[in-house]
C-alpha atoms as a PDB file:
ATOM      1  CA  UNK A   1      -3.817  -7.726  10.282  1.00  0.00           C
ATOM      2  CA  UNK A   2      -5.429  -4.422  11.090  1.00  0.00           C
ATOM      3  CA  UNK A   3      -7.924  -4.378  13.949  1.00  0.00           C
ATOM      4  CA  UNK A   4     -11.504  -3.377  13.100  1.00  0.00           C
ATOM      5  CA  UNK A   5     -13.823  -1.325  15.296  1.00  0.00           C
ATOM      6  CA  UNK A   6     -17.386  -0.066  15.442  1.00  0.00           C
ATOM      7  CA  UNK A   7     -18.212   3.371  16.870  1.00  0.00           C
ATOM      8  CA  UNK A   8     -21.462   4.941  18.047  1.00  0.00           C
ATOM      9  CA  UNK A   9     -22.348   8.403  16.758  1.00  0.00           C
ATOM     10  CA  UNK A  10     -25.443   8.582  18.935  1.00  0.00           C
ATOM     11  CA  UNK A  11     -27.693   8.317  15.856  1.00  0.00           C
ATOM     12  CA  UNK A  12     -26.165   5.156  14.435  1.00  0.00           C
ATOM     13  CA  UNK A  13     -23.484   2.591  14.881  1.00  0.00           C
ATOM     14  CA  UNK A  14     -20.755   2.834  12.189  1.00  0.00           C
ATOM     15  CA  UNK A  15     -18.266   0.219  11.130  1.00  0.00           C
ATOM     16  CA  UNK A  16     -16.345  -1.782  10.852  1.00  0.00           C
ATOM     17  CA  UNK A  17     -13.521   0.718  10.458  1.00  0.00           C
ATOM     18  CA  UNK A  18      -9.811   0.282  10.996  1.00  0.00           C
ATOM     19  CA  UNK A  19      -8.072   1.543  14.116  1.00  0.00           C
ATOM     20  CA  UNK A  20      -6.124   3.955  11.897  1.00  0.00           C
ATOM     21  CA  UNK A  21      -9.441   5.388  10.666  1.00  0.00           C
ATOM     22  CA  UNK A  22     -10.533   5.865  14.296  1.00  0.00           C
ATOM     23  CA  UNK A  23      -7.305   7.815  14.931  1.00  0.00           C
ATOM     24  CA  UNK A  24      -8.010   9.964  11.863  1.00  0.00           C
ATOM     25  CA  UNK A  25     -11.620  10.557  12.884  1.00  0.00           C
ATOM     26  CA  UNK A  26     -10.507  11.612  16.396  1.00  0.00           C
ATOM     27  CA  UNK A  27      -7.844  13.924  14.958  1.00  0.00           C
ATOM     28  CA  UNK A  28     -10.376  15.573  12.633  1.00  0.00           C
ATOM     29  CA  UNK A  29     -12.845  16.069  15.457  1.00  0.00           C
ATOM     30  CA  UNK A  30     -15.554  13.841  13.926  1.00  0.00           C
ATOM     31  CA  UNK A  31     -15.421  11.687  17.054  1.00  0.00           C
ATOM     32  CA  UNK A  32     -14.035  12.405  20.524  1.00  0.00           C
ATOM     33  CA  UNK A  33     -12.320  10.483  23.273  1.00  0.00           C
ATOM     34  CA  UNK A  34     -15.770   9.975  24.803  1.00  0.00           C
ATOM     35  CA  UNK A  35     -17.181   8.249  21.736  1.00  0.00           C
ATOM     36  CA  UNK A  36     -18.257   4.693  22.461  1.00  0.00           C
ATOM     37  CA  UNK A  37     -16.379   2.043  20.473  1.00  0.00           C
ATOM     38  CA  UNK A  38     -16.080  -1.704  20.413  1.00  0.00           C
ATOM     39  CA  UNK A  39     -13.778  -4.127  18.592  1.00  0.00           C
ATOM     40  CA  UNK A  40     -15.423  -6.026  15.757  1.00  0.00           C
ATOM     41  CA  UNK A  41     -14.728  -9.309  17.586  1.00  0.00           C
ATOM     42  CA  UNK A  42     -16.237  -8.071  20.881  1.00  0.00           C
ATOM     43  CA  UNK A  43     -19.649  -7.046  22.145  1.00  0.00           C
ATOM     44  CA  UNK A  44     -18.330  -4.733  24.870  1.00  0.00           C
ATOM     45  CA  UNK A  45     -18.697  -0.995  24.204  1.00  0.00           C
ATOM     46  CA  UNK A  46     -16.326   1.433  25.944  1.00  0.00           C
ATOM     47  CA  UNK A  47     -15.109   5.012  25.564  1.00  0.00           C
ATOM     48  CA  UNK A  48     -12.498   5.555  22.892  1.00  0.00           C
ATOM     49  CA  UNK A  49      -9.953   6.959  25.406  1.00  0.00           C
ATOM     50  CA  UNK A  50      -9.846   3.535  27.106  1.00  0.00           C
ATOM     51  CA  UNK A  51      -8.867   1.727  23.875  1.00  0.00           C
ATOM     52  CA  UNK A  52      -5.181   1.241  23.220  1.00  0.00           C
ATOM     53  CA  UNK A  53      -4.595   2.602  19.679  1.00  0.00           C
ATOM     54  CA  UNK A  54      -0.837   3.036  19.970  1.00  0.00           C
ATOM     55  CA  UNK A  55      -0.078   0.722  16.985  1.00  0.00           C
ATOM     56  CA  UNK A  56      -2.582   2.593  14.831  1.00  0.00           C
ATOM     57  CA  UNK A  57      -1.250   5.983  15.990  1.00  0.00           C
ATOM     58  CA  UNK A  58       2.285   4.912  15.071  1.00  0.00           C
ATOM     59  CA  UNK A  59       1.069   3.748  11.652  1.00  0.00           C
ATOM     60  CA  UNK A  60      -0.604   7.129  11.161  1.00  0.00           C
ATOM     61  CA  UNK A  61       2.582   9.010  12.084  1.00  0.00           C
ATOM     62  CA  UNK A  62       4.846   6.732   9.997  1.00  0.00           C
ATOM     63  CA  UNK A  63       2.844   5.097   7.246  1.00  0.00           C
ATOM     64  CA  UNK A  64       4.381   2.392   5.117  1.00  0.00           C
ATOM     65  CA  UNK A  65       4.845   2.653   1.366  1.00  0.00           C
ATOM     66  CA  UNK A  66       1.762   0.602   0.662  1.00  0.00           C
ATOM     67  CA  UNK A  67      -0.371   2.871   2.828  1.00  0.00           C
ATOM     68  CA  UNK A  68       1.062   6.008   1.183  1.00  0.00           C
ATOM     69  CA  UNK A  69       0.380   4.659  -2.300  1.00  0.00           C
ATOM     70  CA  UNK A  70      -3.160   3.646  -1.328  1.00  0.00           C
ATOM     71  CA  UNK A  71      -3.940   7.089   0.170  1.00  0.00           C
ATOM     72  CA  UNK A  72      -2.542   8.952  -2.824  1.00  0.00           C
ATOM     73  CA  UNK A  73      -4.486   6.842  -5.333  1.00  0.00           C
ATOM     74  CA  UNK A  74      -1.271   5.708  -6.991  1.00  0.00           C
ATOM     75  CA  UNK A  75      -1.496   2.091  -5.953  1.00  0.00           C
ATOM     76  CA  UNK A  76      -3.233   0.941  -9.154  1.00  0.00           C
ATOM     77  CA  UNK A  77      -0.879   2.738 -11.573  1.00  0.00           C
ATOM     78  CA  UNK A  78       2.216   1.549  -9.660  1.00  0.00           C
ATOM     79  CA  UNK A  79       0.995  -2.029  -9.684  1.00  0.00           C
ATOM     80  CA  UNK A  80       0.309  -1.788 -13.427  1.00  0.00           C
ATOM     81  CA  UNK A  81       3.795  -0.346 -14.005  1.00  0.00           C
ATOM     82  CA  UNK A  82       5.415  -3.156 -12.011  1.00  0.00           C
ATOM     83  CA  UNK A  83       3.412  -5.762 -13.876  1.00  0.00           C
ATOM     84  CA  UNK A  84       4.419  -4.175 -17.195  1.00  0.00           C
ATOM     85  CA  UNK A  85       8.103  -4.183 -16.209  1.00  0.00           C
ATOM     86  CA  UNK A  86       7.911  -7.848 -15.177  1.00  0.00           C
ATOM     87  CA  UNK A  87       6.280  -8.795 -18.455  1.00  0.00           C
ATOM     88  CA  UNK A  88       8.882  -6.762 -20.378  1.00  0.00           C
ATOM     89  CA  UNK A  89      11.719  -8.532 -18.571  1.00  0.00           C
ATOM     90  CA  UNK A  90      10.136 -11.938 -19.267  1.00  0.00           C
ATOM     91  CA  UNK A  91       9.798 -11.107 -22.976  1.00  0.00           C
ATOM     92  CA  UNK A  92      13.313  -9.650 -23.124  1.00  0.00           C
ATOM     93  CA  UNK A  93      14.826 -12.743 -21.523  1.00  0.00           C
ATOM     94  CA  UNK A  94      12.911 -14.944 -23.989  1.00  0.00           C
ATOM     95  CA  UNK A  95      14.110 -12.809 -26.918  1.00  0.00           C
ATOM     96  CA  UNK A  96      17.714 -12.961 -25.730  1.00  0.00           C
ATOM     97  CA  UNK A  97      17.523 -16.755 -25.446  1.00  0.00           C
ATOM     98  CA  UNK A  98      16.287 -17.004 -29.016  1.00  0.00           C
ATOM     99  CA  UNK A  99      18.292 -14.225 -30.662  1.00  0.00           C
ATOM    100  CA  UNK A 100      21.594 -14.337 -28.712  1.00  0.00           C
ATOM    101  CA  UNK A 101      23.654 -15.390 -31.758  1.00  0.00           C
ATOM    102  CA  UNK A 102      22.355 -12.386 -33.713  1.00  0.00           C
ATOM    103  CA  UNK A 103      22.951 -10.090 -30.765  1.00  0.00           C
ATOM    104  CA  UNK A 104      26.474 -11.436 -30.441  1.00  0.00           C
ATOM    105  CA  UNK A 105      27.269 -10.738 -34.121  1.00  0.00           C
ATOM    106  CA  UNK A 106      25.817  -7.235 -33.820  1.00  0.00           C
ATOM    107  CA  UNK A 107      27.952  -6.613 -30.730  1.00  0.00           C
ATOM    108  CA  UNK A 108      31.074  -7.835 -32.544  1.00  0.00           C
ATOM    109  CA  UNK A 109      30.306  -5.526 -35.519  1.00  0.00           C
ATOM    110  CA  UNK A 110      29.779  -2.632 -33.109  1.00  0.00           C
ATOM    111  CA  UNK A 111      33.139  -3.315 -31.403  1.00  0.00           C
ATOM    112  CA  UNK A 112      34.892  -3.537 -34.796  1.00  0.00           C
ATOM    113  CA  UNK A 113      33.271  -0.269 -35.965  1.00  0.00           C
ATOM    114  CA  UNK A 114      34.492   1.472 -32.806  1.00  0.00           C
ATOM    115  CA  UNK A 115      38.002   0.000 -33.185  1.00  0.00           C
ATOM    116  CA  UNK A 116      38.288   0.997 -36.879  1.00  0.00           C
ATOM    117  CA  UNK A 117      37.280   4.650 -36.339  1.00  0.00           C
END
């Protein structure tokens, strides 16, 4: 599970945000290594440069498929497509169970038509 943090902008305390979001904020210059942060499950504030964010930095460099889909906004459409395919397969299997004799006769006629050409 992703770690959550709060950070202090000087004017307000912001959070919780993920460690990956902290890495992004630091890279964009919105916060610095001197920004005070604390873990969501802690009350101790400390400078960002003292927090080990190596896992989050690695995730930022090499994001997983789920993260890429989420960032690109394609997660919803991809999930709908997968759900549609699953439903199609379920219906197709049900139709094959019911109509297999008809499909077998059609296949035999198709083979015969090919053989007689």
